[in-house]
């Protein structure tokens, strides 16, 4: 069986010349993928010029199609977001909207084009909102056709108010480390199952 492929979509508001706590947590998942021979790549969404809208290609220099191609070549898609005022980032919302723009496309069986792909989420912040942001993203992925395994929300939030972020204060948190492992292992397990036994088309086509 071909190697599994995973893509991480980091929706930090920072470009790659700045440190991202969300990316640091993603790298913990990525390390397990490497151990398990899963190819993976982290994409910093802020590095791209992505047009607003819900179409596959908005034209006029829209760079979303390049990211969409990476999603389509992957078996596992992990969206990572920081928290701002208890909510996922604006770029996370934009990624969900652009994915939704392709939700009416079908595979060769007539199913939604994201069928048989596995989704997960990584969230960082220094207050509340991780479960809310995770619920929003995971529901959106499920609604457009992704399979969501159990316990695929790896997150870390610090104490209320200003304080250390993930890199300074969360890397040794046992709860977060446990969820990193569950996210990695459960996405690998479900992606392997779906490679071997895809979701049948009967009752699952968009026609």
N, C-alpha and C. Protein backbone atom coordinates (compact mmCIF):
# COMPACT_ATOMS: atom_id res chain seq x y z
N UNK A 1 0.85 -1.18 0.00
CA UNK A 1 0.00 0.00 0.00
C UNK A 1 0.89 1.24 0.00
N UNK A 2 0.55 2.25 -0.81
CA UNK A 2 1.34 3.49 -0.82
C UNK A 2 1.37 4.13 0.55
N UNK A 3 2.41 4.91 0.80
CA UNK A 3 2.51 5.63 2.06
C UNK A 3 1.33 6.56 2.25
N UNK A 4 0.91 6.71 3.49
CA UNK A 4 -0.08 7.72 3.80
C UNK A 4 0.57 9.10 3.72
N UNK A 5 -0.23 10.08 3.33
CA UNK A 5 0.24 11.47 3.26
C UNK A 5 -0.66 12.34 4.12
N UNK A 6 -0.04 13.27 4.83
CA UNK A 6 -0.80 14.21 5.67
C UNK A 6 -0.38 15.63 5.33
N UNK A 7 -1.33 16.54 5.42
CA UNK A 7 -1.01 17.96 5.27
C UNK A 7 -1.58 18.72 6.46
N UNK A 8 -0.76 19.58 7.03
CA UNK A 8 -1.16 20.45 8.13
C UNK A 8 -1.38 21.85 7.56
N UNK A 9 -2.55 22.42 7.79
CA UNK A 9 -2.85 23.78 7.36
C UNK A 9 -2.81 24.68 8.60
N UNK A 10 -1.72 25.41 8.74
CA UNK A 10 -1.53 26.27 9.91
C UNK A 10 -2.15 27.63 9.62
N UNK A 11 -3.23 27.95 10.34
CA UNK A 11 -3.94 29.20 10.09
C UNK A 11 -3.55 30.29 11.09
N UNK A 12 -2.33 30.22 11.58
CA UNK A 12 -1.77 31.33 12.35
C UNK A 12 -1.84 32.60 11.51
N UNK A 13 -1.94 33.73 12.16
CA UNK A 13 -1.90 35.01 11.44
C UNK A 13 -0.47 35.44 11.12
N UNK A 14 0.50 34.63 11.54
CA UNK A 14 1.91 34.94 11.31
C UNK A 14 2.43 34.21 10.07
N UNK A 15 3.32 34.86 9.33
CA UNK A 15 4.01 34.22 8.22
C UNK A 15 5.20 33.42 8.77
N UNK A 16 5.88 32.69 7.89
CA UNK A 16 6.91 31.77 8.37
C UNK A 16 8.14 32.44 8.94
N UNK A 17 8.28 33.75 8.81
CA UNK A 17 9.41 34.42 9.42
C UNK A 17 9.17 34.71 10.90
N UNK A 18 8.00 34.30 11.41
CA UNK A 18 7.67 34.48 12.82
C UNK A 18 7.38 33.12 13.47
N UNK A 19 7.69 33.02 14.75
CA UNK A 19 7.44 31.79 15.49
C UNK A 19 5.94 31.58 15.67
N UNK A 20 5.48 30.35 15.42
CA UNK A 20 4.07 30.00 15.58
C UNK A 20 3.94 28.91 16.63
N UNK A 21 3.20 29.21 17.70
CA UNK A 21 2.94 28.21 18.72
C UNK A 21 2.07 27.08 18.17
N UNK A 22 1.16 27.43 17.27
CA UNK A 22 0.32 26.41 16.64
C UNK A 22 1.18 25.43 15.85
N UNK A 23 2.18 25.96 15.15
CA UNK A 23 3.06 25.09 14.38
C UNK A 23 3.91 24.21 15.28
N UNK A 24 4.32 24.75 16.41
CA UNK A 24 5.11 23.95 17.36
C UNK A 24 4.32 22.74 17.83
N UNK A 25 3.01 22.92 18.08
CA UNK A 25 2.18 21.79 18.49
C UNK A 25 1.95 20.84 17.31
N UNK A 26 1.77 21.38 16.13
CA UNK A 26 1.66 20.53 14.94
C UNK A 26 2.90 19.65 14.77
N UNK A 27 4.06 20.20 15.06
CA UNK A 27 5.31 19.45 14.89
C UNK A 27 5.39 18.25 15.81
N UNK A 28 4.70 18.32 16.96
CA UNK A 28 4.65 17.16 17.85
C UNK A 28 3.87 16.01 17.20
N UNK A 29 2.78 16.35 16.52
CA UNK A 29 2.02 15.34 15.76
C UNK A 29 2.86 14.84 14.60
N UNK A 30 3.50 15.76 13.91
CA UNK A 30 4.32 15.42 12.74
C UNK A 30 5.44 14.45 13.10
N UNK A 31 6.00 14.60 14.29
CA UNK A 31 7.07 13.70 14.73
C UNK A 31 6.59 12.26 14.82
N UNK A 32 5.35 12.07 15.30
CA UNK A 32 4.79 10.71 15.35
C UNK A 32 4.53 10.20 13.94
N UNK A 33 4.02 11.05 13.08
CA UNK A 33 3.81 10.64 11.69
C UNK A 33 5.12 10.15 11.07
N UNK A 34 6.20 10.87 11.34
CA UNK A 34 7.49 10.47 10.79
C UNK A 34 7.90 9.10 11.30
N UNK A 35 7.68 8.86 12.60
CA UNK A 35 7.99 7.54 13.18
C UNK A 35 7.20 6.44 12.51
N UNK A 36 5.97 6.74 12.11
CA UNK A 36 5.07 5.76 11.53
C UNK A 36 5.11 5.78 9.99
N UNK A 37 6.09 6.46 9.43
CA UNK A 37 6.32 6.45 7.98
C UNK A 37 5.18 7.12 7.20
N UNK A 38 4.59 8.14 7.81
CA UNK A 38 3.57 8.94 7.12
C UNK A 38 4.24 10.22 6.63
N UNK A 39 4.15 10.47 5.34
CA UNK A 39 4.70 11.71 4.79
C UNK A 39 3.82 12.88 5.22
N UNK A 40 4.44 13.99 5.57
CA UNK A 40 3.63 15.14 5.98
C UNK A 40 4.31 16.45 5.62
N UNK A 41 3.49 17.48 5.54
CA UNK A 41 3.96 18.83 5.21
C UNK A 41 3.11 19.83 5.99
N UNK A 42 3.75 20.87 6.49
CA UNK A 42 3.04 21.97 7.14
C UNK A 42 3.00 23.16 6.19
N UNK A 43 1.80 23.68 5.98
CA UNK A 43 1.62 24.86 5.12
C UNK A 43 1.18 26.02 5.99
N UNK A 44 1.89 27.12 5.93
CA UNK A 44 1.53 28.33 6.66
C UNK A 44 0.62 29.16 5.75
N UNK A 45 -0.66 29.18 6.06
CA UNK A 45 -1.65 29.82 5.21
C UNK A 45 -1.35 31.30 4.99
N UNK A 46 -0.81 31.96 6.00
CA UNK A 46 -0.52 33.40 5.88
C UNK A 46 0.54 33.70 4.83
N UNK A 47 1.26 32.69 4.37
CA UNK A 47 2.27 32.90 3.32
C UNK A 47 1.64 33.02 1.93
N UNK A 48 0.38 32.70 1.81
CA UNK A 48 -0.28 32.63 0.50
C UNK A 48 -1.28 33.77 0.33
N UNK A 49 -1.49 34.12 -0.92
CA UNK A 49 -2.52 35.11 -1.27
C UNK A 49 -3.80 34.36 -1.61
N UNK A 50 -4.69 34.33 -0.64
CA UNK A 50 -5.93 33.56 -0.80
C UNK A 50 -7.10 34.54 -0.87
N UNK A 51 -7.85 34.46 -1.95
CA UNK A 51 -8.98 35.36 -2.14
C UNK A 51 -10.15 34.95 -1.26
N UNK A 52 -10.95 35.92 -0.90
CA UNK A 52 -12.18 35.64 -0.17
C UNK A 52 -13.22 35.07 -1.11
N UNK A 53 -13.97 34.08 -0.65
CA UNK A 53 -15.01 33.49 -1.48
C UNK A 53 -15.19 32.03 -1.19
N UNK A 54 -16.13 31.42 -1.88
CA UNK A 54 -16.43 30.00 -1.71
C UNK A 54 -16.44 29.28 -3.05
N UNK A 55 -15.47 29.61 -3.88
CA UNK A 55 -15.28 28.91 -5.14
C UNK A 55 -13.93 28.23 -5.12
N UNK A 56 -13.77 27.23 -5.98
CA UNK A 56 -12.51 26.49 -6.02
C UNK A 56 -11.35 27.38 -6.42
N UNK A 57 -11.58 28.29 -7.36
CA UNK A 57 -10.54 29.21 -7.82
C UNK A 57 -11.19 30.56 -8.05
N UNK A 58 -10.77 31.57 -7.29
CA UNK A 58 -11.36 32.90 -7.39
C UNK A 58 -10.67 33.76 -8.44
N UNK A 59 -9.61 33.22 -9.08
CA UNK A 59 -8.93 33.96 -10.13
C UNK A 59 -8.11 35.13 -9.61
N UNK A 60 -7.55 35.91 -10.54
CA UNK A 60 -6.80 37.13 -10.20
C UNK A 60 -5.69 36.88 -9.19
N UNK A 61 -4.90 35.83 -9.43
CA UNK A 61 -3.76 35.55 -8.56
C UNK A 61 -4.09 34.75 -7.32
N UNK A 62 -5.28 34.23 -7.22
CA UNK A 62 -5.68 33.41 -6.07
C UNK A 62 -4.77 32.19 -5.96
N UNK A 63 -4.14 32.01 -4.82
CA UNK A 63 -3.22 30.89 -4.62
C UNK A 63 -3.84 29.71 -3.88
N UNK A 64 -5.14 29.78 -3.59
CA UNK A 64 -5.80 28.66 -2.94
C UNK A 64 -5.70 27.36 -3.74
N UNK A 65 -5.83 27.38 -5.09
CA UNK A 65 -5.76 26.11 -5.82
C UNK A 65 -4.50 25.30 -5.54
N UNK A 66 -3.39 25.97 -5.25
CA UNK A 66 -2.15 25.26 -4.92
C UNK A 66 -2.31 24.49 -3.61
N UNK A 67 -2.98 25.11 -2.64
CA UNK A 67 -3.23 24.44 -1.36
C UNK A 67 -4.26 23.32 -1.53
N UNK A 68 -5.29 23.60 -2.31
CA UNK A 68 -6.33 22.59 -2.56
C UNK A 68 -5.72 21.33 -3.17
N UNK A 69 -4.79 21.49 -4.09
CA UNK A 69 -4.13 20.33 -4.70
C UNK A 69 -3.40 19.49 -3.65
N UNK A 70 -2.79 20.16 -2.67
CA UNK A 70 -2.10 19.43 -1.60
C UNK A 70 -3.10 18.69 -0.71
N UNK A 71 -4.25 19.32 -0.46
CA UNK A 71 -5.30 18.64 0.30
C UNK A 71 -5.76 17.40 -0.45
N UNK A 72 -5.97 17.53 -1.75
CA UNK A 72 -6.49 16.41 -2.53
C UNK A 72 -5.48 15.27 -2.67
N UNK A 73 -4.21 15.56 -2.54
CA UNK A 73 -3.20 14.50 -2.63
C UNK A 73 -2.90 13.88 -1.26
N UNK A 74 -3.60 14.33 -0.23
CA UNK A 74 -3.36 13.85 1.13
C UNK A 74 -4.49 12.94 1.62
N UNK A 75 -4.12 12.05 2.52
CA UNK A 75 -5.10 11.18 3.17
C UNK A 75 -5.59 11.76 4.49
N UNK A 76 -4.76 12.60 5.09
CA UNK A 76 -5.06 13.20 6.40
C UNK A 76 -4.88 14.71 6.27
N UNK A 77 -5.87 15.46 6.77
CA UNK A 77 -5.80 16.93 6.73
C UNK A 77 -6.02 17.44 8.16
N UNK A 78 -5.02 18.15 8.68
CA UNK A 78 -5.10 18.71 10.02
C UNK A 78 -5.11 20.23 9.91
N UNK A 79 -6.16 20.85 10.43
CA UNK A 79 -6.22 22.31 10.48
C UNK A 79 -5.77 22.76 11.86
N UNK A 80 -4.83 23.68 11.89
CA UNK A 80 -4.35 24.23 13.16
C UNK A 80 -4.70 25.69 13.26
N UNK A 81 -5.13 26.11 14.45
CA UNK A 81 -5.51 27.51 14.64
C UNK A 81 -5.10 28.03 16.01
N UNK A 82 -4.69 29.29 16.06
CA UNK A 82 -4.59 29.95 17.36
C UNK A 82 -5.98 30.43 17.78
N UNK A 83 -6.09 30.86 19.02
CA UNK A 83 -7.35 31.41 19.51
C UNK A 83 -7.23 32.92 19.65
N UNK A 84 -8.26 33.61 19.18
CA UNK A 84 -8.36 35.05 19.38
C UNK A 84 -9.75 35.34 19.92
N UNK A 85 -9.82 35.87 21.15
CA UNK A 85 -11.09 36.14 21.82
C UNK A 85 -11.95 34.88 21.89
N UNK A 86 -11.30 33.75 22.12
CA UNK A 86 -12.01 32.48 22.27
C UNK A 86 -12.47 31.84 20.97
N UNK A 87 -12.05 32.39 19.83
CA UNK A 87 -12.50 31.89 18.53
C UNK A 87 -11.32 31.43 17.69
N UNK A 88 -11.58 30.58 16.71
CA UNK A 88 -10.57 30.22 15.72
C UNK A 88 -10.18 31.46 14.93
N UNK A 89 -9.04 31.41 14.28
CA UNK A 89 -8.55 32.58 13.55
C UNK A 89 -9.39 32.87 12.31
N UNK A 90 -9.28 34.07 11.81
CA UNK A 90 -9.97 34.43 10.57
C UNK A 90 -9.49 33.59 9.41
N UNK A 91 -8.21 33.21 9.42
CA UNK A 91 -7.69 32.37 8.35
C UNK A 91 -8.24 30.95 8.43
N UNK A 92 -8.51 30.47 9.64
CA UNK A 92 -9.15 29.16 9.78
C UNK A 92 -10.53 29.19 9.15
N UNK A 93 -11.27 30.26 9.41
CA UNK A 93 -12.59 30.41 8.79
C UNK A 93 -12.47 30.45 7.28
N UNK A 94 -11.47 31.16 6.79
CA UNK A 94 -11.28 31.25 5.34
C UNK A 94 -10.95 29.90 4.72
N UNK A 95 -10.11 29.11 5.39
CA UNK A 95 -9.78 27.78 4.89
C UNK A 95 -11.03 26.91 4.82
N UNK A 96 -11.85 26.96 5.86
CA UNK A 96 -13.09 26.19 5.86
C UNK A 96 -13.99 26.64 4.72
N UNK A 97 -14.09 27.94 4.51
CA UNK A 97 -14.93 28.45 3.42
C UNK A 97 -14.42 28.01 2.06
N UNK A 98 -13.11 28.02 1.87
CA UNK A 98 -12.57 27.62 0.57
C UNK A 98 -12.70 26.11 0.35
N UNK A 99 -12.54 25.32 1.40
CA UNK A 99 -12.81 23.88 1.26
C UNK A 99 -14.27 23.65 0.91
N UNK A 100 -15.15 24.38 1.57
CA UNK A 100 -16.59 24.27 1.29
C UNK A 100 -16.89 24.59 -0.17
N UNK A 101 -16.09 25.45 -0.77
CA UNK A 101 -16.29 25.80 -2.16
C UNK A 101 -16.13 24.63 -3.12
N UNK A 102 -15.49 23.56 -2.67
CA UNK A 102 -15.33 22.37 -3.50
C UNK A 102 -16.20 21.21 -3.04
N UNK A 103 -17.10 21.46 -2.09
CA UNK A 103 -17.86 20.37 -1.48
C UNK A 103 -18.89 19.76 -2.42
N UNK A 104 -19.22 20.44 -3.52
CA UNK A 104 -20.17 19.88 -4.48
C UNK A 104 -19.47 19.03 -5.54
N UNK A 105 -18.14 19.04 -5.55
CA UNK A 105 -17.41 18.20 -6.49
C UNK A 105 -17.50 16.74 -6.05
N UNK A 106 -17.35 15.84 -7.00
CA UNK A 106 -17.47 14.42 -6.68
C UNK A 106 -16.23 13.63 -7.11
N UNK A 107 -16.05 12.50 -6.46
CA UNK A 107 -15.00 11.58 -6.89
C UNK A 107 -15.55 10.67 -7.99
N UNK A 108 -14.79 9.65 -8.37
CA UNK A 108 -15.21 8.80 -9.48
C UNK A 108 -16.39 7.90 -9.15
N UNK A 109 -16.79 7.89 -7.85
CA UNK A 109 -17.96 7.11 -7.44
C UNK A 109 -19.20 7.99 -7.23
N UNK A 110 -19.04 9.29 -7.46
CA UNK A 110 -20.16 10.20 -7.26
C UNK A 110 -20.31 10.70 -5.84
N UNK A 111 -19.33 10.39 -4.99
CA UNK A 111 -19.36 10.87 -3.61
C UNK A 111 -18.70 12.25 -3.53
N UNK A 112 -18.92 12.94 -2.43
CA UNK A 112 -18.22 14.20 -2.19
C UNK A 112 -16.72 13.97 -2.31
N UNK A 113 -16.03 14.92 -2.88
CA UNK A 113 -14.63 14.73 -3.24
C UNK A 113 -13.72 14.53 -2.01
N UNK A 114 -14.19 14.94 -0.83
CA UNK A 114 -13.39 14.76 0.38
C UNK A 114 -13.65 13.43 1.08
N UNK A 115 -14.52 12.60 0.54
CA UNK A 115 -14.77 11.29 1.13
C UNK A 115 -13.47 10.49 1.22
N UNK A 116 -13.36 9.70 2.29
CA UNK A 116 -12.22 8.83 2.55
C UNK A 116 -10.95 9.58 2.96
N UNK A 117 -11.06 10.88 3.20
CA UNK A 117 -9.99 11.63 3.83
C UNK A 117 -10.33 11.81 5.31
N UNK A 118 -9.30 11.88 6.13
CA UNK A 118 -9.47 11.96 7.58
C UNK A 118 -9.07 13.35 8.05
N UNK A 119 -9.86 13.92 8.96
CA UNK A 119 -9.58 15.26 9.46
C UNK A 119 -9.26 15.30 10.93
N UNK A 120 -8.57 16.36 11.32
CA UNK A 120 -8.26 16.60 12.73
C UNK A 120 -7.95 18.07 12.94
N UNK A 121 -7.73 18.46 14.21
CA UNK A 121 -7.51 19.86 14.51
C UNK A 121 -6.49 20.02 15.64
N UNK A 122 -5.71 21.09 15.55
CA UNK A 122 -4.75 21.47 16.57
C UNK A 122 -5.05 22.92 16.95
N UNK A 123 -5.11 23.21 18.25
CA UNK A 123 -5.47 24.55 18.72
C UNK A 123 -4.51 24.99 19.82
N UNK A 124 -4.06 26.24 19.75
CA UNK A 124 -3.25 26.80 20.83
C UNK A 124 -3.78 28.18 21.20
N UNK A 125 -3.53 28.56 22.46
CA UNK A 125 -3.93 29.88 22.94
C UNK A 125 -3.51 30.01 24.38
N UNK A 126 -3.83 31.14 24.99
CA UNK A 126 -3.48 31.28 26.40
C UNK A 126 -4.70 31.59 27.26
N UNK A 127 -5.90 31.28 26.72
CA UNK A 127 -7.11 31.36 27.52
C UNK A 127 -8.08 30.26 27.08
N UNK A 128 -9.35 30.58 27.00
CA UNK A 128 -10.37 29.57 26.73
C UNK A 128 -10.72 29.56 25.24
N UNK A 129 -11.44 28.53 24.81
CA UNK A 129 -11.96 28.48 23.46
C UNK A 129 -11.53 27.29 22.63
N UNK A 130 -10.66 26.43 23.16
CA UNK A 130 -10.12 25.32 22.36
C UNK A 130 -11.22 24.35 21.92
N UNK A 131 -12.12 24.00 22.83
CA UNK A 131 -13.16 23.04 22.47
C UNK A 131 -14.16 23.66 21.50
N UNK A 132 -14.45 24.93 21.69
CA UNK A 132 -15.36 25.62 20.78
C UNK A 132 -14.78 25.68 19.37
N UNK A 133 -13.51 26.08 19.25
CA UNK A 133 -12.86 26.15 17.94
C UNK A 133 -12.76 24.76 17.30
N UNK A 134 -12.42 23.76 18.12
CA UNK A 134 -12.32 22.39 17.60
C UNK A 134 -13.66 21.90 17.08
N UNK A 135 -14.72 22.15 17.85
CA UNK A 135 -16.05 21.71 17.43
C UNK A 135 -16.44 22.34 16.10
N UNK A 136 -16.16 23.62 15.96
CA UNK A 136 -16.50 24.33 14.73
C UNK A 136 -15.78 23.74 13.53
N UNK A 137 -14.48 23.53 13.67
CA UNK A 137 -13.68 23.03 12.54
C UNK A 137 -14.02 21.58 12.23
N UNK A 138 -14.11 20.74 13.27
CA UNK A 138 -14.37 19.32 13.02
C UNK A 138 -15.75 19.10 12.43
N UNK A 139 -16.74 19.87 12.89
CA UNK A 139 -18.07 19.75 12.27
C UNK A 139 -18.01 20.13 10.80
N UNK A 140 -17.34 21.23 10.49
CA UNK A 140 -17.25 21.68 9.09
C UNK A 140 -16.61 20.60 8.22
N UNK A 141 -15.52 20.01 8.71
CA UNK A 141 -14.86 18.96 7.93
C UNK A 141 -15.78 17.77 7.73
N UNK A 142 -16.47 17.36 8.79
CA UNK A 142 -17.39 16.23 8.68
C UNK A 142 -18.50 16.53 7.68
N UNK A 143 -19.02 17.74 7.73
CA UNK A 143 -20.16 18.12 6.89
C UNK A 143 -19.81 18.07 5.41
N UNK A 144 -18.56 18.32 5.05
CA UNK A 144 -18.19 18.31 3.63
C UNK A 144 -17.58 16.98 3.19
N UNK A 145 -17.54 15.99 4.10
CA UNK A 145 -17.18 14.65 3.66
C UNK A 145 -16.00 13.99 4.35
N UNK A 146 -15.26 14.73 5.17
CA UNK A 146 -14.13 14.12 5.87
C UNK A 146 -14.63 13.16 6.95
N UNK A 147 -13.81 12.15 7.25
CA UNK A 147 -14.07 11.26 8.38
C UNK A 147 -13.34 11.81 9.59
N UNK A 148 -14.04 11.90 10.71
CA UNK A 148 -13.45 12.43 11.95
C UNK A 148 -13.33 11.31 12.97
N UNK A 149 -12.13 10.84 13.24
CA UNK A 149 -11.94 9.81 14.26
C UNK A 149 -12.18 10.38 15.66
N UNK A 150 -12.20 9.53 16.68
CA UNK A 150 -12.33 10.04 18.05
C UNK A 150 -11.06 10.73 18.53
N UNK A 151 -11.22 11.71 19.39
CA UNK A 151 -10.10 12.37 20.08
C UNK A 151 -9.03 12.92 19.14
N UNK A 152 -9.47 13.67 18.14
CA UNK A 152 -8.51 14.26 17.20
C UNK A 152 -8.47 15.78 17.35
N UNK A 153 -8.62 16.23 18.60
CA UNK A 153 -8.50 17.66 18.92
C UNK A 153 -7.36 17.83 19.93
N UNK A 154 -6.16 18.05 19.42
CA UNK A 154 -5.01 18.28 20.29
C UNK A 154 -4.90 19.78 20.56
N UNK A 155 -4.90 20.16 21.84
CA UNK A 155 -4.88 21.59 22.12
C UNK A 155 -4.14 21.89 23.41
N UNK A 156 -3.76 23.16 23.53
CA UNK A 156 -3.19 23.66 24.77
C UNK A 156 -3.63 25.09 24.97
N UNK A 157 -4.16 25.40 26.15
CA UNK A 157 -4.45 26.77 26.53
C UNK A 157 -3.92 27.01 27.94
N UNK A 158 -3.34 28.16 28.15
CA UNK A 158 -2.78 28.46 29.47
C UNK A 158 -3.84 29.01 30.41
N UNK A 159 -3.37 29.55 31.50
CA UNK A 159 -4.28 30.12 32.48
C UNK A 159 -4.94 31.38 31.93
N UNK A 160 -6.03 31.78 32.56
CA UNK A 160 -6.73 32.99 32.14
C UNK A 160 -5.83 34.21 32.26
N UNK A 161 -5.95 35.10 31.28
CA UNK A 161 -5.17 36.33 31.31
C UNK A 161 -3.81 36.15 30.63
N UNK A 162 -3.05 37.21 30.54
CA UNK A 162 -1.72 37.13 29.90
C UNK A 162 -0.85 36.09 30.58
N UNK A 163 -0.05 35.42 29.79
CA UNK A 163 0.82 34.40 30.34
C UNK A 163 1.58 33.69 29.24
N UNK A 164 2.35 32.67 29.59
CA UNK A 164 3.15 31.96 28.59
C UNK A 164 2.27 31.22 27.58
N UNK A 165 2.72 31.19 26.33
CA UNK A 165 2.03 30.44 25.29
C UNK A 165 2.61 29.03 25.21
N UNK A 166 2.20 28.26 24.19
CA UNK A 166 2.50 26.83 24.16
C UNK A 166 3.98 26.52 24.27
N UNK A 167 4.82 27.21 23.50
CA UNK A 167 6.24 26.86 23.48
C UNK A 167 6.86 27.04 24.87
N UNK A 168 6.50 28.12 25.56
CA UNK A 168 7.07 28.38 26.88
C UNK A 168 6.39 27.58 27.99
N UNK A 169 5.08 27.32 27.84
CA UNK A 169 4.35 26.79 28.97
C UNK A 169 3.61 25.49 28.79
N UNK A 170 3.55 24.96 27.54
CA UNK A 170 2.68 23.83 27.31
C UNK A 170 3.30 22.56 26.80
N UNK A 171 4.57 22.59 26.42
CA UNK A 171 5.15 21.43 25.73
C UNK A 171 5.23 20.19 26.62
N UNK A 172 5.26 20.37 27.92
CA UNK A 172 5.34 19.22 28.83
C UNK A 172 4.01 18.89 29.48
N UNK A 173 2.93 19.49 29.01
CA UNK A 173 1.62 19.23 29.58
C UNK A 173 1.16 17.81 29.22
N UNK A 174 0.88 16.98 30.23
CA UNK A 174 0.56 15.58 29.98
C UNK A 174 -0.74 15.41 29.19
N UNK A 175 -1.74 16.24 29.49
CA UNK A 175 -3.01 16.15 28.77
C UNK A 175 -2.81 16.43 27.29
N UNK A 176 -2.07 17.49 27.00
CA UNK A 176 -1.82 17.84 25.59
C UNK A 176 -1.01 16.76 24.90
N UNK A 177 0.00 16.25 25.56
CA UNK A 177 0.82 15.20 24.95
C UNK A 177 -0.03 13.95 24.67
N UNK A 178 -0.96 13.65 25.57
CA UNK A 178 -1.84 12.50 25.35
C UNK A 178 -2.73 12.70 24.14
N UNK A 179 -3.24 13.91 23.97
CA UNK A 179 -4.11 14.18 22.82
C UNK A 179 -3.32 14.24 21.53
N UNK A 180 -2.07 14.66 21.59
CA UNK A 180 -1.22 14.59 20.40
C UNK A 180 -1.10 13.15 19.94
N UNK A 181 -0.86 12.24 20.88
CA UNK A 181 -0.73 10.83 20.52
C UNK A 181 -2.04 10.28 19.94
N UNK A 182 -3.17 10.59 20.58
CA UNK A 182 -4.44 10.09 20.08
C UNK A 182 -4.75 10.66 18.70
N UNK A 183 -4.48 11.94 18.50
CA UNK A 183 -4.68 12.55 17.19
C UNK A 183 -3.86 11.84 16.13
N UNK A 184 -2.58 11.64 16.41
CA UNK A 184 -1.70 11.01 15.43
C UNK A 184 -2.11 9.56 15.15
N UNK A 185 -2.26 8.78 16.19
CA UNK A 185 -2.54 7.35 16.00
C UNK A 185 -3.93 7.11 15.42
N UNK A 186 -4.92 7.88 15.85
CA UNK A 186 -6.28 7.65 15.36
C UNK A 186 -6.45 8.11 13.92
N UNK A 187 -5.79 9.19 13.53
CA UNK A 187 -5.86 9.59 12.13
C UNK A 187 -5.15 8.57 11.23
N UNK A 188 -4.02 8.07 11.70
CA UNK A 188 -3.32 7.04 10.92
C UNK A 188 -4.18 5.79 10.78
N UNK A 189 -4.78 5.37 11.89
CA UNK A 189 -5.58 4.14 11.87
C UNK A 189 -6.76 4.26 10.92
N UNK A 190 -7.50 5.36 11.02
CA UNK A 190 -8.68 5.53 10.16
C UNK A 190 -8.28 5.72 8.70
N UNK A 191 -7.20 6.46 8.46
CA UNK A 191 -6.76 6.65 7.08
C UNK A 191 -6.33 5.33 6.45
N UNK A 192 -5.68 4.47 7.23
CA UNK A 192 -5.29 3.15 6.72
C UNK A 192 -6.52 2.31 6.42
N UNK A 193 -7.50 2.32 7.33
CA UNK A 193 -8.75 1.58 7.08
C UNK A 193 -9.42 2.03 5.79
N UNK A 194 -9.48 3.34 5.59
CA UNK A 194 -10.18 3.87 4.42
C UNK A 194 -9.40 3.62 3.14
N UNK A 195 -8.08 3.51 3.23
CA UNK A 195 -7.29 3.10 2.06
C UNK A 195 -7.66 1.69 1.64
N UNK A 196 -7.79 0.82 2.64
CA UNK A 196 -8.08 -0.59 2.37
C UNK A 196 -9.55 -0.83 2.07
N UNK A 197 -10.42 -0.09 2.75
CA UNK A 197 -11.87 -0.29 2.59
C UNK A 197 -12.55 1.08 2.51
N UNK A 198 -12.60 1.68 1.34
CA UNK A 198 -13.24 3.00 1.22
C UNK A 198 -14.72 2.93 1.56
N UNK A 199 -15.28 4.08 1.92
CA UNK A 199 -16.71 4.17 2.18
C UNK A 199 -17.47 3.80 0.91
N UNK A 200 -18.41 2.87 0.97
CA UNK A 200 -19.12 2.46 -0.25
C UNK A 200 -19.97 3.59 -0.80
N UNK A 201 -20.17 3.56 -2.12
CA UNK A 201 -20.91 4.62 -2.77
C UNK A 201 -22.41 4.54 -2.51
N UNK A 202 -22.91 3.33 -2.29
CA UNK A 202 -24.36 3.17 -2.12
C UNK A 202 -24.85 4.03 -0.96
N UNK A 203 -25.83 4.88 -1.25
CA UNK A 203 -26.38 5.75 -0.23
C UNK A 203 -25.52 6.95 0.10
N UNK A 204 -24.42 7.14 -0.61
CA UNK A 204 -23.47 8.19 -0.27
C UNK A 204 -23.02 8.99 -1.49
N UNK A 205 -23.90 9.19 -2.45
CA UNK A 205 -23.54 9.98 -3.61
C UNK A 205 -24.29 11.32 -3.56
N UNK A 206 -23.76 12.28 -4.27
CA UNK A 206 -24.37 13.61 -4.30
C UNK A 206 -25.44 13.74 -5.38
N UNK A 207 -25.59 12.71 -6.20
CA UNK A 207 -26.61 12.77 -7.28
C UNK A 207 -28.00 12.66 -6.70
